[in-house]
């Protein structure tokens, strides 16, 4: 799950963050995906407020910061092979 609009979650209000996350979960469920398997923060950004909000979902977190109780898995860039 990556949010609805790819806005940086650390820049959002708590209400906007909740709308991004719950809206993304709802959108995925409408596509037939019943539960996301992980949460990947847009641009990899996370702070303590975002961490606390996401922790309630009990899903692995993917980003670039590693300062929290639940490890944040460091994301990596996947590039297509150039021909």
C-alpha atoms as a PDB file:
ATOM      1  CA  UNK A   1       0.000   0.000   0.000  1.00  0.00           C
ATOM      2  CA  UNK A   2       1.381   3.392  -0.938  1.00  0.00           C
ATOM      3  CA  UNK A   3      -1.411   5.930  -0.391  1.00  0.00           C
ATOM      4  CA  UNK A   4      -3.876   7.511  -2.780  1.00  0.00           C
ATOM      5  CA  UNK A   5      -2.032  10.580  -4.013  1.00  0.00           C
ATOM      6  CA  UNK A   6       1.677   9.913  -3.309  1.00  0.00           C
ATOM      7  CA  UNK A   7       1.853  12.973  -1.052  1.00  0.00           C
ATOM      8  CA  UNK A   8       4.588  12.883   1.602  1.00  0.00           C
ATOM      9  CA  UNK A   9       2.853  11.600   4.739  1.00  0.00           C
ATOM     10  CA  UNK A  10       5.065  13.573   7.127  1.00  0.00           C
ATOM     11  CA  UNK A  11       3.676  16.771   5.537  1.00  0.00           C
ATOM     12  CA  UNK A  12       0.023  15.803   6.091  1.00  0.00           C
ATOM     13  CA  UNK A  13      -2.248  16.527   9.023  1.00  0.00           C
ATOM     14  CA  UNK A  14      -3.343  13.524  11.073  1.00  0.00           C
ATOM     15  CA  UNK A  15      -6.735  13.637   9.365  1.00  0.00           C
ATOM     16  CA  UNK A  16      -5.211  13.769   5.869  1.00  0.00           C
ATOM     17  CA  UNK A  17      -2.900  10.875   6.730  1.00  0.00           C
ATOM     18  CA  UNK A  18      -5.837   8.783   7.927  1.00  0.00           C
ATOM     19  CA  UNK A  19      -7.688   9.561   4.688  1.00  0.00           C
ATOM     20  CA  UNK A  20      -4.658   8.571   2.575  1.00  0.00           C
ATOM     21  CA  UNK A  21      -4.217   5.238   4.373  1.00  0.00           C
ATOM     22  CA  UNK A  22      -7.871   4.234   4.781  1.00  0.00           C
ATOM     23  CA  UNK A  23      -8.675   5.431   1.260  1.00  0.00           C
ATOM     24  CA  UNK A  24      -5.837   3.348  -0.159  1.00  0.00           C
ATOM     25  CA  UNK A  25      -6.996   0.250   1.730  1.00  0.00           C
ATOM     26  CA  UNK A  26     -10.557   0.807   0.486  1.00  0.00           C
ATOM     27  CA  UNK A  27      -9.391   1.299  -3.117  1.00  0.00           C
ATOM     28  CA  UNK A  28      -7.328  -1.901  -2.997  1.00  0.00           C
ATOM     29  CA  UNK A  29     -10.264  -3.843  -1.556  1.00  0.00           C
ATOM     30  CA  UNK A  30     -12.468  -2.607  -4.424  1.00  0.00           C
ATOM     31  CA  UNK A  31      -9.889  -4.080  -6.799  1.00  0.00           C
ATOM     32  CA  UNK A  32     -10.146  -7.437  -5.040  1.00  0.00           C
ATOM     33  CA  UNK A  33      -7.081  -7.134  -2.774  1.00  0.00           C
ATOM     34  CA  UNK A  34      -8.449  -7.838   0.667  1.00  0.00           C
ATOM     35  CA  UNK A  35      -5.532  -6.667   2.820  1.00  0.00           C
ATOM     36  CA  UNK A  36      -2.243  -5.000   1.936  1.00  0.00           C
ATOM     37  CA  UNK A  37       0.876  -7.014   2.791  1.00  0.00           C
ATOM     38  CA  UNK A  38       3.012  -3.955   3.634  1.00  0.00           C
ATOM     39  CA  UNK A  39       2.971  -0.188   3.837  1.00  0.00           C
ATOM     40  CA  UNK A  40       5.520   1.739   1.767  1.00  0.00           C
ATOM     41  CA  UNK A  41       5.704   5.408   2.659  1.00  0.00           C
ATOM     42  CA  UNK A  42       5.707   7.799  -0.311  1.00  0.00           C
ATOM     43  CA  UNK A  43       9.261   9.052  -0.844  1.00  0.00           C
ATOM     44  CA  UNK A  44      10.266   6.756   2.060  1.00  0.00           C
ATOM     45  CA  UNK A  45       9.528   9.499   4.606  1.00  0.00           C
ATOM     46  CA  UNK A  46       8.349   8.692   8.134  1.00  0.00           C
ATOM     47  CA  UNK A  47       8.373  10.450  11.501  1.00  0.00           C
ATOM     48  CA  UNK A  48       7.110   9.441  14.947  1.00  0.00           C
ATOM     49  CA  UNK A  49       3.544  10.688  14.278  1.00  0.00           C
ATOM     50  CA  UNK A  50       3.267   8.765  11.006  1.00  0.00           C
ATOM     51  CA  UNK A  51       4.914   5.716  12.596  1.00  0.00           C
ATOM     52  CA  UNK A  52       2.365   5.682  15.438  1.00  0.00           C
ATOM     53  CA  UNK A  53      -0.535   6.016  13.001  1.00  0.00           C
ATOM     54  CA  UNK A  54       0.755   3.167  10.796  1.00  0.00           C
ATOM     55  CA  UNK A  55       1.698   0.905  13.695  1.00  0.00           C
ATOM     56  CA  UNK A  56      -1.999   0.229  14.351  1.00  0.00           C
ATOM     57  CA  UNK A  57      -2.263  -1.646  11.026  1.00  0.00           C
ATOM     58  CA  UNK A  58       0.283  -4.281  12.110  1.00  0.00           C
ATOM     59  CA  UNK A  59       1.902  -4.438   8.663  1.00  0.00           C
ATOM     60  CA  UNK A  60       5.588  -4.308   7.750  1.00  0.00           C
ATOM     61  CA  UNK A  61       6.754  -0.770   6.997  1.00  0.00           C
ATOM     62  CA  UNK A  62       8.977  -0.042   4.010  1.00  0.00           C
ATOM     63  CA  UNK A  63      10.877   3.245   3.802  1.00  0.00           C
ATOM     64  CA  UNK A  64      14.277   4.757   4.409  1.00  0.00           C
ATOM     65  CA  UNK A  65      14.348   5.639   8.126  1.00  0.00           C
ATOM     66  CA  UNK A  66      15.287   3.147  10.863  1.00  0.00           C
ATOM     67  CA  UNK A  67      14.533   4.879  14.183  1.00  0.00           C
ATOM     68  CA  UNK A  68      11.529   2.955  15.461  1.00  0.00           C
ATOM     69  CA  UNK A  69      10.595  -0.127  17.541  1.00  0.00           C
ATOM     70  CA  UNK A  70       9.247  -2.057  14.569  1.00  0.00           C
ATOM     71  CA  UNK A  71      12.008  -2.078  11.991  1.00  0.00           C
ATOM     72  CA  UNK A  72      11.366  -0.068   8.882  1.00  0.00           C
ATOM     73  CA  UNK A  73      12.544  -2.195   5.977  1.00  0.00           C
ATOM     74  CA  UNK A  74      14.880  -0.212   3.781  1.00  0.00           C
ATOM     75  CA  UNK A  75      13.357   0.069   0.347  1.00  0.00           C
ATOM     76  CA  UNK A  76      15.445  -0.377  -2.762  1.00  0.00           C
ATOM     77  CA  UNK A  77      15.036   0.883  -6.286  1.00  0.00           C
ATOM     78  CA  UNK A  78      14.153  -1.627  -8.955  1.00  0.00           C
ATOM     79  CA  UNK A  79      15.217  -0.637 -12.442  1.00  0.00           C
ATOM     80  CA  UNK A  80      14.326  -2.321 -15.676  1.00  0.00           C
ATOM     81  CA  UNK A  81      17.155  -3.748 -17.701  1.00  0.00           C
ATOM     82  CA  UNK A  82      18.240  -1.352 -20.439  1.00  0.00           C
ATOM     83  CA  UNK A  83      18.536  -2.930 -23.885  1.00  0.00           C
END
